[in-house]
Amino acid sequence: MPTTATPEKTPADESTAPSATGIERLQSARVASDIQFLIARARGRGNSHANLMLAELDLKVRHFSVLSLVCTEERPTQRELGEFLDLDPSQIVALVDSLEERGAVRRETDPRDRRSKIVVPTESGHDLHEQAAALTRESEETVLQTLSPRERRQLRALLQKVAF
């Protein structure tokens, strides 16, 4: 059987060969190893995916974060929610207003400081939180699928150190 010779590649051929495109092409950029960039990109990917999942409940990650905190026994005030979530008070008011309009939460006077309002979940708020928590766990599984369980625990511990 005759063999066909393969032509040797020349340097000119290599320069016209297709190179990596899109994200792969930019991963060697210096910014791709900067911690602030990586945190922002990971956050963006996670939030984007979770927002897609939560859309079926007409929620976004910020709504879920507020709902998760008010579904604890801590009974947070609007001010505490804003400080913990690092959101402007006007953003917290808008998020609580939205959840209140849905019947998921209600505001009550804080017995520790009558000038403050605590945000408490309603029964339907607890149900909504349960559904949303399942979706965000599913989203987390998808976004972190390249990490082992040990790496996920390590990532969580490191992020908690940085965040708090």
N, C-alpha and C. Protein backbone atom coordinates (compact mmCIF):
# COMPACT_ATOMS: atom_id res chain seq x y z
N MET A 1 0.84 -1.16 0.00
CA MET A 1 0.00 0.00 0.00
C MET A 1 0.89 1.24 0.00
N PRO A 2 0.67 2.15 -0.95
CA PRO A 2 1.54 3.32 -1.00
C PRO A 2 1.24 4.28 0.14
N THR A 3 2.27 4.92 0.62
CA THR A 3 2.10 5.91 1.68
C THR A 3 2.12 7.28 1.07
N THR A 4 1.38 8.16 1.70
CA THR A 4 1.35 9.54 1.23
C THR A 4 2.21 10.36 2.18
N ALA A 5 3.04 11.14 1.61
CA ALA A 5 3.89 11.99 2.43
C ALA A 5 3.08 13.17 2.93
N THR A 6 3.28 13.46 4.18
CA THR A 6 2.61 14.63 4.74
C THR A 6 3.57 15.80 4.61
N PRO A 7 3.10 16.89 4.06
CA PRO A 7 4.00 18.02 3.91
C PRO A 7 4.39 18.57 5.29
N GLU A 8 5.64 18.98 5.39
CA GLU A 8 6.09 19.57 6.65
C GLU A 8 5.49 20.95 6.80
N LYS A 9 5.21 21.30 8.06
CA LYS A 9 4.68 22.64 8.33
C LYS A 9 5.82 23.63 8.35
N THR A 10 5.55 24.77 7.79
CA THR A 10 6.55 25.83 7.80
C THR A 10 6.14 26.86 8.84
N PRO A 11 7.06 27.72 9.28
CA PRO A 11 6.69 28.77 10.23
C PRO A 11 5.55 29.64 9.71
N ALA A 12 5.49 29.83 8.41
CA ALA A 12 4.40 30.64 7.85
C ALA A 12 3.06 29.94 8.05
N ASP A 13 3.06 28.61 7.91
CA ASP A 13 1.82 27.85 8.12
C ASP A 13 1.35 27.98 9.57
N GLU A 14 2.28 27.92 10.50
CA GLU A 14 1.92 28.00 11.92
C GLU A 14 1.31 29.36 12.27
N SER A 15 1.80 30.41 11.65
CA SER A 15 1.25 31.72 11.98
C SER A 15 -0.16 31.90 11.44
N THR A 16 -0.53 31.13 10.43
CA THR A 16 -1.89 31.23 9.90
C THR A 16 -2.79 30.14 10.47
N ALA A 17 -2.22 29.23 11.27
CA ALA A 17 -3.04 28.18 11.87
C ALA A 17 -4.01 28.81 12.86
N PRO A 18 -5.21 28.24 12.95
CA PRO A 18 -6.18 28.81 13.88
C PRO A 18 -5.65 28.70 15.32
N SER A 19 -5.76 29.76 16.05
CA SER A 19 -5.33 29.75 17.44
C SER A 19 -6.57 29.68 18.32
N ALA A 20 -6.33 29.60 19.61
CA ALA A 20 -7.45 29.56 20.55
C ALA A 20 -8.30 30.80 20.35
N THR A 21 -9.58 30.64 20.58
CA THR A 21 -10.49 31.77 20.41
C THR A 21 -11.23 32.05 21.71
N GLY A 22 -11.84 33.19 21.78
CA GLY A 22 -12.70 33.53 22.90
C GLY A 22 -11.99 33.47 24.23
N ILE A 23 -12.65 32.84 25.18
CA ILE A 23 -12.15 32.77 26.55
C ILE A 23 -10.77 32.12 26.61
N GLU A 24 -10.57 31.02 25.88
CA GLU A 24 -9.29 30.32 25.93
C GLU A 24 -8.14 31.25 25.53
N ARG A 25 -8.36 32.09 24.55
CA ARG A 25 -7.33 32.99 24.05
C ARG A 25 -6.95 34.02 25.12
N LEU A 26 -7.90 34.42 25.94
CA LEU A 26 -7.65 35.48 26.92
C LEU A 26 -7.20 34.96 28.29
N GLN A 27 -7.26 33.65 28.51
CA GLN A 27 -6.91 33.11 29.82
C GLN A 27 -5.45 33.32 30.19
N SER A 28 -4.61 33.60 29.22
CA SER A 28 -3.21 33.85 29.54
C SER A 28 -2.95 35.32 29.91
N ALA A 29 -3.95 36.16 29.79
CA ALA A 29 -3.79 37.57 30.16
C ALA A 29 -3.53 37.68 31.67
N ARG A 30 -2.74 38.65 32.05
CA ARG A 30 -2.37 38.82 33.46
C ARG A 30 -3.60 38.94 34.36
N VAL A 31 -4.60 39.63 33.90
CA VAL A 31 -5.80 39.83 34.72
C VAL A 31 -6.46 38.51 35.10
N ALA A 32 -6.28 37.49 34.28
CA ALA A 32 -6.91 36.20 34.54
C ALA A 32 -6.34 35.48 35.76
N SER A 33 -5.27 36.03 36.34
CA SER A 33 -4.73 35.46 37.57
C SER A 33 -4.87 36.41 38.76
N ASP A 34 -5.47 37.57 38.54
CA ASP A 34 -5.71 38.52 39.63
C ASP A 34 -6.87 38.05 40.49
N ILE A 35 -6.67 38.00 41.78
CA ILE A 35 -7.68 37.48 42.69
C ILE A 35 -8.98 38.26 42.61
N GLN A 36 -8.92 39.58 42.57
CA GLN A 36 -10.16 40.38 42.50
C GLN A 36 -10.95 40.05 41.25
N PHE A 37 -10.25 39.91 40.13
CA PHE A 37 -10.92 39.54 38.88
C PHE A 37 -11.55 38.16 39.00
N LEU A 38 -10.79 37.20 39.53
CA LEU A 38 -11.29 35.83 39.64
C LEU A 38 -12.51 35.75 40.55
N ILE A 39 -12.48 36.48 41.66
CA ILE A 39 -13.63 36.49 42.56
C ILE A 39 -14.84 37.09 41.85
N ALA A 40 -14.63 38.20 41.15
CA ALA A 40 -15.73 38.85 40.43
C ALA A 40 -16.28 37.94 39.33
N ARG A 41 -15.39 37.27 38.61
CA ARG A 41 -15.84 36.38 37.53
C ARG A 41 -16.59 35.17 38.09
N ALA A 42 -16.07 34.58 39.16
CA ALA A 42 -16.75 33.44 39.77
C ALA A 42 -18.12 33.87 40.30
N ARG A 43 -18.17 35.04 40.93
CA ARG A 43 -19.44 35.55 41.43
C ARG A 43 -20.42 35.77 40.29
N GLY A 44 -19.93 36.37 39.22
CA GLY A 44 -20.79 36.62 38.06
C GLY A 44 -21.34 35.34 37.46
N ARG A 45 -20.47 34.33 37.31
CA ARG A 45 -20.93 33.05 36.75
C ARG A 45 -21.94 32.40 37.67
N GLY A 46 -21.65 32.41 38.97
CA GLY A 46 -22.56 31.79 39.93
C GLY A 46 -23.91 32.50 39.98
N ASN A 47 -23.87 33.82 40.07
CA ASN A 47 -25.12 34.59 40.12
C ASN A 47 -25.93 34.44 38.84
N SER A 48 -25.25 34.48 37.72
CA SER A 48 -25.95 34.35 36.44
C SER A 48 -26.68 33.01 36.34
N HIS A 49 -25.99 31.94 36.71
CA HIS A 49 -26.62 30.62 36.64
C HIS A 49 -27.75 30.51 37.66
N ALA A 50 -27.51 30.96 38.87
CA ALA A 50 -28.56 30.89 39.90
C ALA A 50 -29.76 31.74 39.51
N ASN A 51 -29.53 32.92 38.93
CA ASN A 51 -30.64 33.76 38.49
C ASN A 51 -31.48 33.06 37.43
N LEU A 52 -30.82 32.33 36.53
CA LEU A 52 -31.56 31.56 35.51
C LEU A 52 -32.45 30.51 36.19
N MET A 53 -31.89 29.83 37.18
CA MET A 53 -32.65 28.79 37.88
C MET A 53 -33.80 29.40 38.68
N LEU A 54 -33.52 30.52 39.37
CA LEU A 54 -34.53 31.15 40.22
C LEU A 54 -35.62 31.86 39.43
N ALA A 55 -35.39 32.08 38.15
CA ALA A 55 -36.38 32.79 37.32
C ALA A 55 -37.72 32.07 37.32
N GLU A 56 -37.70 30.75 37.46
CA GLU A 56 -38.98 30.02 37.46
C GLU A 56 -39.82 30.37 38.69
N LEU A 57 -39.17 30.92 39.73
CA LEU A 57 -39.90 31.38 40.92
C LEU A 57 -40.06 32.90 40.93
N ASP A 58 -39.64 33.53 39.83
CA ASP A 58 -39.66 34.99 39.72
C ASP A 58 -38.83 35.63 40.84
N LEU A 59 -37.65 35.05 41.07
CA LEU A 59 -36.70 35.56 42.06
C LEU A 59 -35.34 35.76 41.41
N LYS A 60 -34.51 36.53 42.10
CA LYS A 60 -33.11 36.67 41.74
C LYS A 60 -32.29 36.35 42.99
N VAL A 61 -30.99 36.23 42.82
CA VAL A 61 -30.11 35.87 43.93
C VAL A 61 -30.27 36.85 45.10
N ARG A 62 -30.40 38.12 44.82
CA ARG A 62 -30.54 39.09 45.92
C ARG A 62 -31.82 38.86 46.72
N HIS A 63 -32.91 38.57 46.04
CA HIS A 63 -34.16 38.24 46.74
C HIS A 63 -33.96 37.00 47.61
N PHE A 64 -33.31 35.99 47.02
CA PHE A 64 -33.08 34.75 47.74
C PHE A 64 -32.22 35.00 48.98
N SER A 65 -31.20 35.83 48.85
CA SER A 65 -30.33 36.13 49.99
C SER A 65 -31.12 36.76 51.13
N VAL A 66 -31.98 37.72 50.81
CA VAL A 66 -32.82 38.35 51.83
C VAL A 66 -33.75 37.32 52.44
N LEU A 67 -34.42 36.56 51.60
CA LEU A 67 -35.36 35.56 52.08
C LEU A 67 -34.66 34.51 52.96
N SER A 68 -33.46 34.11 52.58
CA SER A 68 -32.71 33.14 53.38
C SER A 68 -32.40 33.68 54.77
N LEU A 69 -32.03 34.93 54.84
CA LEU A 69 -31.70 35.52 56.14
C LEU A 69 -32.94 35.71 57.01
N VAL A 70 -34.05 36.11 56.40
CA VAL A 70 -35.24 36.31 57.22
C VAL A 70 -35.89 35.00 57.63
N CYS A 71 -35.55 33.91 56.94
CA CYS A 71 -36.09 32.60 57.32
C CYS A 71 -35.27 31.93 58.42
N THR A 72 -34.32 32.65 58.97
CA THR A 72 -33.57 32.14 60.13
C THR A 72 -34.28 32.59 61.40
N GLU A 73 -33.79 32.15 62.52
CA GLU A 73 -34.34 32.55 63.82
C GLU A 73 -33.80 33.91 64.27
N GLU A 74 -32.90 34.50 63.48
CA GLU A 74 -32.22 35.73 63.89
C GLU A 74 -33.11 36.97 63.86
N ARG A 75 -34.17 36.96 63.09
CA ARG A 75 -35.08 38.10 62.97
C ARG A 75 -34.31 39.40 62.67
N PRO A 76 -33.65 39.46 61.51
CA PRO A 76 -32.82 40.63 61.19
C PRO A 76 -33.65 41.88 60.89
N THR A 77 -33.04 43.02 61.19
CA THR A 77 -33.63 44.30 60.80
C THR A 77 -33.22 44.58 59.35
N GLN A 78 -33.91 45.53 58.76
CA GLN A 78 -33.53 45.93 57.40
C GLN A 78 -32.08 46.42 57.39
N ARG A 79 -31.69 47.17 58.41
CA ARG A 79 -30.31 47.68 58.49
C ARG A 79 -29.31 46.52 58.55
N GLU A 80 -29.61 45.52 59.37
CA GLU A 80 -28.71 44.36 59.47
C GLU A 80 -28.62 43.62 58.14
N LEU A 81 -29.73 43.50 57.45
CA LEU A 81 -29.73 42.85 56.13
C LEU A 81 -28.79 43.60 55.19
N GLY A 82 -28.92 44.91 55.17
CA GLY A 82 -28.08 45.73 54.29
C GLY A 82 -26.60 45.59 54.62
N GLU A 83 -26.28 45.63 55.92
CA GLU A 83 -24.88 45.50 56.32
C GLU A 83 -24.33 44.12 55.97
N PHE A 84 -25.09 43.08 56.26
CA PHE A 84 -24.62 41.73 56.01
C PHE A 84 -24.45 41.45 54.53
N LEU A 85 -25.40 41.91 53.72
CA LEU A 85 -25.36 41.67 52.27
C LEU A 85 -24.56 42.72 51.52
N ASP A 86 -24.06 43.72 52.26
CA ASP A 86 -23.27 44.80 51.67
C ASP A 86 -24.05 45.51 50.57
N LEU A 87 -25.31 45.82 50.89
CA LEU A 87 -26.17 46.53 49.96
C LEU A 87 -26.60 47.86 50.57
N ASP A 88 -26.82 48.82 49.71
CA ASP A 88 -27.31 50.13 50.11
C ASP A 88 -28.70 49.98 50.72
N PRO A 89 -29.03 50.79 51.74
CA PRO A 89 -30.37 50.69 52.35
C PRO A 89 -31.51 50.77 51.34
N SER A 90 -31.36 51.60 50.31
CA SER A 90 -32.44 51.71 49.31
C SER A 90 -32.61 50.40 48.55
N GLN A 91 -31.52 49.66 48.34
CA GLN A 91 -31.62 48.37 47.66
C GLN A 91 -32.35 47.36 48.54
N ILE A 92 -32.06 47.39 49.83
CA ILE A 92 -32.74 46.49 50.76
C ILE A 92 -34.22 46.80 50.81
N VAL A 93 -34.56 48.08 50.88
CA VAL A 93 -35.97 48.48 50.90
C VAL A 93 -36.68 47.94 49.66
N ALA A 94 -36.06 48.09 48.50
CA ALA A 94 -36.68 47.61 47.25
C ALA A 94 -36.85 46.09 47.27
N LEU A 95 -35.86 45.37 47.76
CA LEU A 95 -35.94 43.91 47.81
C LEU A 95 -37.03 43.46 48.79
N VAL A 96 -37.06 44.09 49.97
CA VAL A 96 -38.08 43.73 50.96
C VAL A 96 -39.46 44.11 50.45
N ASP A 97 -39.58 45.27 49.82
CA ASP A 97 -40.87 45.67 49.22
C ASP A 97 -41.36 44.61 48.24
N SER A 98 -40.46 44.16 47.39
CA SER A 98 -40.81 43.16 46.38
C SER A 98 -41.28 41.85 47.03
N LEU A 99 -40.54 41.41 48.04
CA LEU A 99 -40.94 40.17 48.74
C LEU A 99 -42.23 40.36 49.52
N GLU A 100 -42.42 41.56 50.05
CA GLU A 100 -43.65 41.85 50.80
C GLU A 100 -44.86 41.87 49.87
N GLU A 101 -44.69 42.44 48.68
CA GLU A 101 -45.79 42.46 47.71
C GLU A 101 -46.21 41.05 47.31
N ARG A 102 -45.28 40.12 47.33
CA ARG A 102 -45.56 38.72 47.01
C ARG A 102 -46.17 37.96 48.18
N GLY A 103 -46.17 38.59 49.34
CA GLY A 103 -46.69 37.93 50.53
C GLY A 103 -45.69 36.98 51.17
N ALA A 104 -44.40 37.13 50.83
CA ALA A 104 -43.36 36.24 51.36
C ALA A 104 -42.80 36.72 52.69
N VAL A 105 -42.86 38.03 52.94
CA VAL A 105 -42.35 38.60 54.19
C VAL A 105 -43.28 39.71 54.66
N ARG A 106 -43.07 40.10 55.90
CA ARG A 106 -43.75 41.29 56.42
C ARG A 106 -42.78 42.01 57.35
N ARG A 107 -43.02 43.28 57.51
CA ARG A 107 -42.20 44.09 58.41
C ARG A 107 -42.91 44.20 59.75
N GLU A 108 -42.12 44.13 60.81
CA GLU A 108 -42.66 44.32 62.16
C GLU A 108 -41.74 45.29 62.90
N THR A 109 -42.30 46.00 63.85
CA THR A 109 -41.49 46.88 64.67
C THR A 109 -40.54 46.04 65.52
N ASP A 110 -39.30 46.46 65.56
CA ASP A 110 -38.28 45.75 66.35
C ASP A 110 -38.49 46.09 67.82
N PRO A 111 -38.77 45.11 68.67
CA PRO A 111 -38.99 45.40 70.08
C PRO A 111 -37.73 45.94 70.78
N ARG A 112 -36.55 45.71 70.18
CA ARG A 112 -35.30 46.23 70.75
C ARG A 112 -35.10 47.70 70.43
N ASP A 113 -35.71 48.16 69.33
CA ASP A 113 -35.58 49.56 68.91
C ASP A 113 -36.78 49.87 68.04
N ARG A 114 -37.74 50.57 68.58
CA ARG A 114 -39.01 50.81 67.90
C ARG A 114 -38.85 51.60 66.60
N ARG A 115 -37.69 52.22 66.39
CA ARG A 115 -37.45 52.95 65.14
C ARG A 115 -37.09 52.01 64.00
N SER A 116 -36.70 50.79 64.34
CA SER A 116 -36.26 49.81 63.34
C SER A 116 -37.38 48.83 62.98
N LYS A 117 -37.24 48.26 61.81
CA LYS A 117 -38.18 47.23 61.36
C LYS A 117 -37.43 45.92 61.19
N ILE A 118 -38.00 44.86 61.74
CA ILE A 118 -37.47 43.54 61.46
C ILE A 118 -38.28 42.96 60.31
N VAL A 119 -37.67 42.07 59.58
CA VAL A 119 -38.33 41.45 58.44
C VAL A 119 -38.52 39.99 58.79
N VAL A 120 -39.77 39.55 58.75
CA VAL A 120 -40.08 38.17 59.12
C VAL A 120 -40.78 37.47 57.95
N PRO A 121 -40.53 36.18 57.82
CA PRO A 121 -41.15 35.44 56.72
C PRO A 121 -42.59 35.07 57.05
N THR A 122 -43.38 34.96 56.03
CA THR A 122 -44.74 34.42 56.17
C THR A 122 -44.64 32.91 55.89
N GLU A 123 -45.74 32.23 56.07
CA GLU A 123 -45.74 30.80 55.75
C GLU A 123 -45.40 30.57 54.28
N SER A 124 -45.98 31.39 53.40
CA SER A 124 -45.66 31.24 51.98
C SER A 124 -44.22 31.64 51.70
N GLY A 125 -43.67 32.53 52.52
CA GLY A 125 -42.26 32.89 52.39
C GLY A 125 -41.35 31.72 52.71
N HIS A 126 -41.72 30.97 53.75
CA HIS A 126 -40.94 29.76 54.08
C HIS A 126 -41.01 28.75 52.94
N ASP A 127 -42.20 28.58 52.36
CA ASP A 127 -42.36 27.65 51.24
C ASP A 127 -41.53 28.11 50.03
N LEU A 128 -41.59 29.39 49.73
CA LEU A 128 -40.82 29.94 48.62
C LEU A 128 -39.32 29.75 48.87
N HIS A 129 -38.89 29.99 50.09
CA HIS A 129 -37.48 29.81 50.43
C HIS A 129 -37.04 28.37 50.22
N GLU A 130 -37.87 27.44 50.63
CA GLU A 130 -37.53 26.03 50.48
C GLU A 130 -37.34 25.67 49.00
N GLN A 131 -38.24 26.14 48.15
CA GLN A 131 -38.13 25.88 46.71
C GLN A 131 -36.89 26.55 46.13
N ALA A 132 -36.66 27.79 46.52
CA ALA A 132 -35.51 28.54 46.00
C ALA A 132 -34.20 27.93 46.48
N ALA A 133 -34.15 27.47 47.72
CA ALA A 133 -32.93 26.86 48.25
C ALA A 133 -32.57 25.61 47.46
N ALA A 134 -33.57 24.83 47.08
CA ALA A 134 -33.31 23.63 46.27
C ALA A 134 -32.71 24.03 44.92
N LEU A 135 -33.25 25.08 44.31
CA LEU A 135 -32.72 25.53 43.02
C LEU A 135 -31.31 26.08 43.14
N THR A 136 -31.02 26.82 44.20
CA THR A 136 -29.67 27.36 44.34
C THR A 136 -28.65 26.26 44.66
N ARG A 137 -29.07 25.23 45.38
CA ARG A 137 -28.16 24.10 45.62
C ARG A 137 -27.86 23.40 44.29
N GLU A 138 -28.87 23.24 43.46
CA GLU A 138 -28.69 22.63 42.14
C GLU A 138 -27.76 23.50 41.28
N SER A 139 -27.95 24.80 41.35
CA SER A 139 -27.09 25.71 40.60
C SER A 139 -25.64 25.63 41.09
N GLU A 140 -25.47 25.58 42.39
CA GLU A 140 -24.12 25.47 42.95
C GLU A 140 -23.44 24.19 42.48
N GLU A 141 -24.19 23.10 42.44
CA GLU A 141 -23.64 21.83 41.94
C GLU A 141 -23.13 21.99 40.51
N THR A 142 -23.91 22.65 39.69
CA THR A 142 -23.54 22.84 38.28
C THR A 142 -22.31 23.73 38.15
N VAL A 143 -22.33 24.86 38.83
CA VAL A 143 -21.24 25.83 38.71
C VAL A 143 -19.93 25.27 39.27
N LEU A 144 -20.01 24.48 40.32
CA LEU A 144 -18.80 23.96 40.97
C LEU A 144 -18.49 22.51 40.58
N GLN A 145 -19.06 22.05 39.49
CA GLN A 145 -18.91 20.64 39.11
C GLN A 145 -17.46 20.23 38.87
N THR A 146 -16.58 21.15 38.56
CA THR A 146 -15.18 20.79 38.32
C THR A 146 -14.39 20.62 39.61
N LEU A 147 -15.01 20.95 40.75
CA LEU A 147 -14.32 20.82 42.04
C LEU A 147 -14.76 19.56 42.77
N SER A 148 -13.82 18.95 43.46
CA SER A 148 -14.14 17.78 44.28
C SER A 148 -14.85 18.27 45.55
N PRO A 149 -15.50 17.38 46.28
CA PRO A 149 -16.12 17.79 47.54
C PRO A 149 -15.12 18.45 48.50
N ARG A 150 -13.91 17.91 48.55
CA ARG A 150 -12.87 18.50 49.41
C ARG A 150 -12.53 19.92 48.95
N GLU A 151 -12.38 20.12 47.64
CA GLU A 151 -12.07 21.44 47.10
C GLU A 151 -13.21 22.42 47.37
N ARG A 152 -14.43 21.95 47.31
CA ARG A 152 -15.58 22.81 47.60
C ARG A 152 -15.56 23.27 49.06
N ARG A 153 -15.28 22.34 49.96
CA ARG A 153 -15.18 22.72 51.39
C ARG A 153 -14.06 23.72 51.60
N GLN A 154 -12.94 23.49 50.93
CA GLN A 154 -11.80 24.40 51.04
C GLN A 154 -12.14 25.78 50.48
N LEU A 155 -12.79 25.82 49.32
CA LEU A 155 -13.20 27.08 48.72
C LEU A 155 -14.15 27.84 49.65
N ARG A 156 -15.13 27.13 50.20
CA ARG A 156 -16.09 27.76 51.11
C ARG A 156 -15.37 28.35 52.32
N ALA A 157 -14.44 27.60 52.90
CA ALA A 157 -13.70 28.07 54.08
C ALA A 157 -12.85 29.29 53.73
N LEU A 158 -12.20 29.29 52.60
CA LEU A 158 -11.37 30.42 52.21
C LEU A 158 -12.22 31.65 51.92
N LEU A 159 -13.33 31.46 51.24
CA LEU A 159 -14.20 32.61 50.94
C LEU A 159 -14.80 33.19 52.23
N GLN A 160 -15.13 32.34 53.18
CA GLN A 160 -15.64 32.84 54.46
C GLN A 160 -14.58 33.66 55.19
N LYS A 161 -13.33 33.23 55.11
CA LYS A 161 -12.24 33.99 55.72
C LYS A 161 -12.12 35.38 55.08
N VAL A 162 -12.21 35.41 53.76
CA VAL A 162 -12.09 36.68 53.05
C VAL A 162 -13.31 37.57 53.28
N ALA A 163 -14.49 36.97 53.28
CA ALA A 163 -15.74 37.74 53.39
C ALA A 163 -15.99 38.29 54.78
N PHE A 164 -15.55 37.57 55.81
CA PHE A 164 -15.86 38.00 57.17
C PHE A 164 -14.60 38.18 57.98
